[in-house]
Protein backbone atom coordinates (compact mmCIF):
# COMPACT_ATOMS: atom_id res chain seq x y z
CA MET A 1 2.19 15.21 11.45
CA ILE A 2 4.22 12.23 11.74
CA GLU A 3 7.77 12.12 11.99
CA ILE A 4 10.35 9.27 12.46
CA GLN A 5 13.70 9.54 13.25
CA ASN A 6 16.39 7.10 13.01
CA LEU A 7 13.78 4.25 14.50
CA SER A 8 15.44 0.74 15.23
CA LYS A 9 14.10 -2.48 16.87
CA ARG A 10 15.57 -5.66 17.65
CA PHE A 11 14.14 -9.02 18.75
CA GLY A 12 16.95 -11.13 20.10
CA ARG A 13 19.08 -11.82 17.08
CA LEU A 14 16.46 -10.17 14.68
CA GLN A 15 16.75 -6.50 13.26
CA ALA A 16 13.26 -6.18 12.82
CA VAL A 17 13.80 -2.18 11.70
CA GLU A 18 16.88 -0.83 11.14
CA ASP A 19 17.52 3.49 11.29
CA VAL A 20 14.17 4.18 9.59
CA THR A 21 13.73 7.90 8.87
CA LEU A 22 10.19 8.93 7.37
CA ASN A 23 8.24 12.27 7.43
CA VAL A 24 4.35 12.12 6.66
CA MET A 25 2.81 15.08 5.77
CA PRO A 26 -0.98 16.41 6.47
CA GLY A 27 -3.50 14.83 3.75
CA GLU A 28 -0.73 12.40 2.61
CA VAL A 29 -1.84 8.66 2.27
CA LEU A 30 1.65 6.90 2.99
CA GLY A 31 1.53 2.78 1.69
CA PHE A 32 3.95 0.64 3.68
CA LEU A 33 5.43 -2.15 0.93
CA GLY A 34 7.38 -4.76 1.64
CA PRO A 35 8.08 -8.43 2.16
CA ASN A 36 6.63 -10.60 5.02
CA GLY A 37 8.76 -9.80 8.12
CA ALA A 38 9.97 -6.68 6.47
CA GLY A 39 9.13 -4.60 9.78
CA LYS A 40 5.97 -2.66 8.57
CA SER A 41 4.01 -3.79 11.54
CA THR A 42 6.72 -3.12 13.94
CA THR A 43 7.12 -0.06 12.53
CA MET A 44 3.26 0.60 12.72
CA LYS A 45 3.10 -0.42 16.49
CA MET A 46 5.95 2.02 17.72
CA ILE A 47 4.39 4.54 15.73
CA THR A 48 1.47 4.09 17.95
CA GLY A 49 3.00 3.44 20.78
CA PHE A 50 2.20 -0.52 21.08
CA LEU A 51 6.10 -1.03 21.10
CA SER A 52 8.91 0.86 22.24
CA PRO A 53 12.07 1.47 20.11
CA ASP A 54 15.67 0.62 20.97
CA ALA A 55 16.67 3.68 19.16
CA GLY A 56 15.22 6.67 17.75
CA ARG A 57 12.16 8.72 18.22
CA VAL A 58 8.65 8.91 16.87
CA SER A 59 6.47 12.37 16.85
CA VAL A 60 2.77 12.38 16.22
CA MET A 61 1.08 16.14 15.84
CA GLY A 62 4.25 17.30 17.67
CA LYS A 63 4.01 15.12 20.56
CA ASP A 64 6.70 12.34 21.13
CA VAL A 65 5.41 8.92 21.08
CA SER A 66 7.82 7.81 24.11
CA LYS A 67 7.77 11.13 26.36
CA ASP A 68 4.07 11.92 25.71
CA PRO A 69 2.41 8.74 24.66
CA LEU A 70 -1.42 9.22 25.90
CA GLY A 71 -1.14 12.60 23.99
CA ALA A 72 -0.08 11.24 20.94
CA LYS A 73 -2.13 8.65 21.12
CA SER A 74 -5.19 10.75 21.38
CA SER A 75 -4.41 11.86 18.01
CA ILE A 76 -4.21 8.36 16.35
CA GLY A 77 -6.98 5.68 15.09
CA TYR A 78 -5.02 2.19 14.72
CA LEU A 79 -5.85 -0.68 13.17
CA PRO A 80 -3.83 -3.36 14.22
CA GLU A 81 -3.13 -6.54 12.53
CA GLY A 82 -5.61 -9.14 12.89
CA ALA A 83 -7.83 -6.17 14.40
CA PRO A 84 -8.56 -8.07 17.81
CA LEU A 85 -11.86 -7.98 19.08
CA TYR A 86 -13.90 -8.88 21.88
CA PRO A 87 -16.09 -11.77 20.60
CA ASP A 88 -18.73 -11.50 22.82
CA MET A 89 -19.54 -7.95 22.34
CA THR A 90 -21.66 -6.44 19.59
CA PRO A 91 -20.06 -3.68 17.23
CA GLU A 92 -22.48 -1.45 18.89
CA ALA A 93 -21.47 -2.32 22.29
CA LEU A 94 -17.78 -2.28 21.08
CA LEU A 95 -17.66 1.32 19.63
CA VAL A 96 -19.38 2.57 22.54
CA PHE A 97 -16.82 0.79 25.00
CA SER A 98 -14.23 2.29 22.35
CA ALA A 99 -15.76 5.98 23.20
CA ARG A 100 -15.60 5.95 26.74
CA ALA A 101 -12.13 4.81 26.98
CA ARG A 102 -10.95 7.44 24.95
CA GLY A 103 -12.60 9.90 27.28
CA MET A 104 -15.61 11.00 24.48
CA ASP A 105 -18.18 13.37 26.23
CA PRO A 106 -21.13 11.19 26.82
CA ALA A 107 -23.48 13.58 24.95
CA ASP A 108 -21.47 12.65 21.28
CA ARG A 109 -20.94 9.05 21.68
CA MET A 110 -23.83 7.51 20.07
CA ALA A 111 -23.64 10.54 17.61
CA ALA A 112 -19.63 8.97 16.58
CA VAL A 113 -21.09 5.50 16.99
CA ASP A 114 -23.69 5.73 14.61
CA ARG A 115 -21.72 7.43 12.20
CA ALA A 116 -18.51 5.02 12.31
CA LEU A 117 -21.37 2.00 11.85
CA GLY A 118 -23.01 3.83 9.07
CA LEU A 119 -19.79 4.90 6.96
CA LEU A 120 -18.42 1.15 7.30
CA GLU A 121 -22.09 -0.09 6.67
CA LEU A 122 -22.39 -2.04 9.62
CA GLU A 123 -25.68 -1.06 10.89
CA GLY A 124 -27.14 -4.24 9.58
CA VAL A 125 -25.05 -6.26 12.26
CA ARG A 126 -24.62 -3.31 15.01
CA HIS A 127 -26.40 -5.82 17.39
CA GLN A 128 -24.78 -8.92 16.50
CA ARG A 129 -22.25 -10.78 18.46
CA ILE A 130 -18.85 -9.83 17.08
CA GLU A 131 -17.61 -13.85 17.40
CA THR A 132 -20.63 -14.73 14.87
CA LEU A 133 -19.92 -12.23 12.05
CA SER A 134 -17.43 -12.94 9.24
CA LYS A 135 -13.80 -11.90 8.95
CA GLY A 136 -14.44 -9.22 6.56
CA PHE A 137 -17.44 -7.91 9.04
CA LYS A 138 -14.75 -8.27 11.62
CA ARG A 139 -12.33 -6.07 9.57
CA ARG A 140 -14.80 -3.47 9.13
CA VAL A 141 -15.83 -3.44 12.91
CA GLY A 142 -11.89 -2.85 13.48
CA LEU A 143 -11.44 0.03 11.11
CA ALA A 144 -14.97 1.58 12.50
CA GLN A 145 -13.24 1.75 15.90
CA ALA A 146 -10.16 3.21 14.27
CA ILE A 147 -12.01 6.12 12.88
CA LEU A 148 -14.59 6.74 15.62
CA HIS A 149 -13.08 9.75 17.45
CA ASN A 150 -12.21 11.13 14.10
CA PRO A 151 -8.11 11.21 14.64
CA ASP A 152 -5.87 13.40 12.67
CA VAL A 153 -4.04 10.75 12.09
CA LEU A 154 -4.79 6.61 10.64
CA VAL A 155 -2.29 4.14 10.93
CA LEU A 156 -4.22 1.16 9.00
CA ASP A 157 -2.19 -2.28 9.10
CA GLU A 158 -3.73 -4.33 6.32
CA PRO A 159 -6.99 -2.59 6.32
CA THR A 160 -8.84 -4.49 3.28
CA ASP A 161 -7.70 -7.79 4.57
CA GLY A 162 -10.42 -10.50 4.27
CA LEU A 163 -12.89 -7.83 2.53
CA ASP A 164 -14.46 -9.04 -0.96
CA PRO A 165 -13.94 -6.60 -3.92
CA ASN A 166 -16.85 -4.35 -3.14
CA GLN A 167 -16.18 -3.88 0.30
CA LYS A 168 -12.45 -3.35 -0.76
CA GLU A 169 -13.57 -0.71 -3.15
CA GLN A 170 -15.93 1.01 -0.41
CA VAL A 171 -12.90 1.26 2.23
CA ARG A 172 -10.69 2.66 -0.24
CA ASP A 173 -13.41 5.44 -1.07
CA LEU A 174 -13.64 5.65 2.23
CA ILE A 175 -9.94 6.00 2.80
CA ARG A 176 -9.51 8.85 -0.18
CA SER A 177 -12.48 10.92 0.92
CA MET A 178 -10.81 10.84 4.87
CA ALA A 179 -7.44 11.89 3.48
CA GLN A 180 -8.06 15.69 2.64
CA GLY A 181 -8.15 16.45 6.50
CA LYS A 182 -6.07 13.53 7.71
CA THR A 183 -2.77 11.73 7.65
CA ILE A 184 -2.86 8.29 6.84
CA ILE A 185 -0.29 5.18 6.98
CA LEU A 186 -1.30 1.83 5.46
CA SER A 187 0.47 -1.37 4.55
CA THR A 188 -0.71 -3.43 2.24
CA HIS A 189 0.32 -6.35 0.22
CA ILE A 190 -1.84 -5.54 -2.27
CA LEU A 191 0.03 -3.42 -5.04
CA GLU A 192 -3.02 -2.13 -6.84
CA GLU A 193 -4.01 -0.58 -3.88
CA VAL A 194 -0.93 1.79 -3.42
CA GLU A 195 -2.37 3.14 -7.02
CA ALA A 196 -5.90 3.28 -5.79
CA VAL A 197 -5.09 5.04 -2.71
CA CYS A 198 -1.66 6.08 -2.09
CA THR A 199 -0.10 9.30 -2.57
CA ARG A 200 3.43 8.24 -1.57
CA VAL A 201 5.22 4.81 -0.98
CA ALA A 202 7.62 3.47 1.28
CA ILE A 203 9.07 -0.10 0.75
CA LEU A 204 10.72 -1.58 3.78
CA SER A 205 12.90 -4.84 3.59
CA LYS A 206 14.98 -6.81 6.13
CA GLY A 207 13.78 -3.52 8.27
CA ALA A 208 15.25 -0.71 6.00
CA LEU A 209 14.27 1.81 4.03
CA CYS A 210 14.47 0.80 0.51
CA PHE A 211 12.00 3.28 -1.21
CA ASN A 212 10.27 6.67 -0.76
CA GLY A 213 8.45 8.26 -3.43
CA SER A 214 5.41 8.87 -5.35
CA PRO A 215 3.67 5.69 -6.93
CA SER A 216 4.21 6.94 -10.19
CA ASP A 217 7.98 7.18 -9.60
CA LEU A 218 7.51 3.93 -8.44
CA ARG A 219 6.05 2.66 -11.55
CA LYS A 220 8.81 4.56 -13.74
CA SER A 221 11.54 2.50 -12.06
CA SER A 222 10.29 -0.22 -13.67
CA ARG A 223 12.50 -1.87 -16.47
CA PHE A 224 9.41 -2.10 -18.28
CA ALA A 225 8.30 1.71 -18.25
CA GLY A 226 8.70 3.08 -21.51
CA ALA A 227 8.82 -0.37 -23.48
CA VAL A 228 6.59 -0.71 -26.80
CA GLU A 229 4.56 -4.03 -26.97
CA ILE A 230 3.23 -4.81 -30.75
CA ARG A 231 1.27 -7.93 -31.43
CA PHE A 232 0.95 -9.27 -34.95
CA ASP A 233 -2.63 -10.37 -36.24
CA THR A 234 -1.24 -12.11 -38.52
CA GLU A 235 2.03 -14.54 -38.93
CA VAL A 236 5.18 -12.19 -37.82
CA PRO A 237 7.19 -10.99 -40.69
CA ALA A 238 10.35 -12.90 -41.12
CA ASP A 239 12.45 -9.71 -40.81
CA ALA A 240 10.33 -8.23 -38.19
CA PHE A 241 12.79 -8.77 -35.09
CA LEU A 242 16.02 -7.23 -37.25
CA GLN A 243 14.06 -3.92 -38.11
CA LEU A 244 12.74 -3.46 -34.65
CA SER A 245 16.26 -4.08 -33.52
CA ASN A 246 18.02 -1.48 -35.96
CA LEU A 247 15.83 1.20 -34.82
CA PRO A 248 17.47 4.31 -33.48
CA HIS A 249 17.21 4.40 -29.49
CA VAL A 250 16.50 0.81 -29.15
CA SER A 251 18.03 -1.34 -26.60
CA LEU A 252 16.45 -4.46 -26.72
CA VAL A 253 14.07 -6.61 -28.35
CA GLU A 254 12.58 -9.58 -27.10
CA PRO A 255 9.54 -11.90 -27.78
CA LEU A 256 6.05 -11.50 -25.73
CA ASP A 257 5.48 -14.39 -23.60
CA GLU A 258 1.96 -14.94 -25.40
CA ASP A 259 0.76 -18.08 -27.12
CA GLU A 260 1.23 -18.48 -30.83
CA ALA A 261 -1.71 -16.85 -32.00
CA HIS A 262 -0.91 -13.52 -30.68
CA ARG A 263 3.07 -13.29 -31.37
CA GLY A 264 4.79 -10.21 -30.97
CA PHE A 265 7.88 -8.19 -29.45
CA ARG A 266 8.83 -5.87 -26.50
CA ILE A 267 11.23 -2.94 -27.82
CA PHE A 268 12.92 -1.37 -25.11
CA PRO A 269 14.21 2.14 -25.25
CA GLN A 270 17.65 3.42 -24.18
CA ALA A 271 17.49 5.22 -20.82
CA GLY A 272 15.96 8.76 -21.35
CA GLN A 273 14.50 7.66 -25.04
CA SER A 274 11.17 7.36 -26.49
CA VAL A 275 10.82 4.52 -29.23
CA LEU A 276 7.07 4.78 -30.08
CA HIS A 277 6.95 6.82 -32.91
CA ALA A 278 10.12 4.90 -34.75
CA VAL A 279 8.14 1.64 -33.93
CA SER A 280 4.50 3.10 -35.25
CA ASP A 281 6.34 4.21 -38.23
CA LYS A 282 8.31 1.31 -39.10
CA ALA A 283 5.06 -0.96 -38.72
CA ARG A 284 3.31 1.22 -41.41
CA ASP A 285 6.32 1.87 -43.73
CA ARG A 286 6.51 -2.32 -43.61
CA ASP A 287 2.91 -2.25 -43.94
CA TRP A 288 2.63 -4.80 -40.78
CA SER A 289 -0.69 -5.84 -39.68
CA LEU A 290 -0.94 -5.36 -36.02
CA GLU A 291 -3.73 -6.73 -33.29
CA ASP A 292 -2.28 -4.12 -30.86
CA MET A 293 0.71 -1.55 -30.01
CA HIS A 294 1.10 0.24 -26.83
CA VAL A 295 3.71 1.62 -24.55
CA ASP A 296 4.14 -0.15 -21.09
CA ARG A 297 3.53 2.38 -18.10
CA GLY A 298 5.96 0.16 -16.00
CA ARG A 299 4.83 -2.63 -13.53
CA LEU A 300 4.74 -2.21 -9.64
CA ASP A 301 5.36 -6.29 -9.20
CA ASP A 302 8.42 -5.78 -11.15
CA VAL A 303 9.90 -2.89 -9.37
CA PHE A 304 8.87 -4.42 -5.96
CA ARG A 305 10.47 -7.72 -6.72
CA SER A 306 13.93 -5.75 -7.94
CA ILE A 307 14.16 -3.71 -5.14
CA THR A 308 13.47 -6.24 -2.24
CA ILE A 309 14.81 -9.43 -4.40
CA GLY A 310 17.57 -11.26 -2.69
CA HIS A 311 16.63 -9.71 1.10
CA GLY A 312 15.20 -13.00 1.76
CA MET A 313 12.56 -13.98 4.86
CA PRO A 314 14.41 -13.80 8.31
CA SER A 315 14.37 -16.28 10.64
CA THR A 316 11.72 -14.80 13.32
CA GLN A 317 8.78 -13.01 12.32
CA GLU A 318 8.92 -9.44 13.03
CA GLU A 319 6.03 -9.87 15.17
CA ALA A 320 7.65 -12.51 17.16
């Protein structure tokens, strides 16, 4: 559905995107992650044909975006960063304009407009001037124009930006429901959104692709994945640290960053090992009174930092 080969883009001295190769298959929801200025928006603009690459190529539904831009764009719904809209129009007028611009059959236009307004719950403001709408409503109007023509490919730059928690969940449900028959790329800074809607994750840093895999693979690469956390509901036994450190397959024991009333330890296993049963058996044998014991699944924020740390912010914004 989307094929990206050796894509590069430079703005003056800034290498915004460097030799990115990535394929997105039917039914996939690809989450684009990365620090500010990592090249996410620039890459999405090249996928949608709003920017021309300095090197490499992009094809959408088998059509080269540079050689057949209209053919490729006809299959794409695009929500750009900031969702630029005509402020003096109403949501309905904007969608009718977008339908005409896309050459939609006049007989189908209003049905498509009604469908998009309904999916984004915009019926109540369909005749209100866009300049009077809240940021969240404006974002939903932008998303409505992206899905208006029922495209095979959706490219969404921060689709839940500015939405309240209820609206975010509504948009996530919509993305999940549409993913069955589409290919979706979305950028986000919200790590919980990655697990909520994405089937695959691509992380960019300083324009380079640093990670490409599933959200579960990303979590498993966290240093916390598989670590056992225990909290005592009474005073920590004096020998607890030594007892835990001497367990087989334990590589490290460290105190939890908790207040004095809920002290405990985090026990890290050696690579490829599990220490849950050993820790549980030790707690039972020593008759420790525990408030909680669980295995850490891994932390996306930890992995994100470890992958992107040290790359820093470029001196110029990627959209400059």
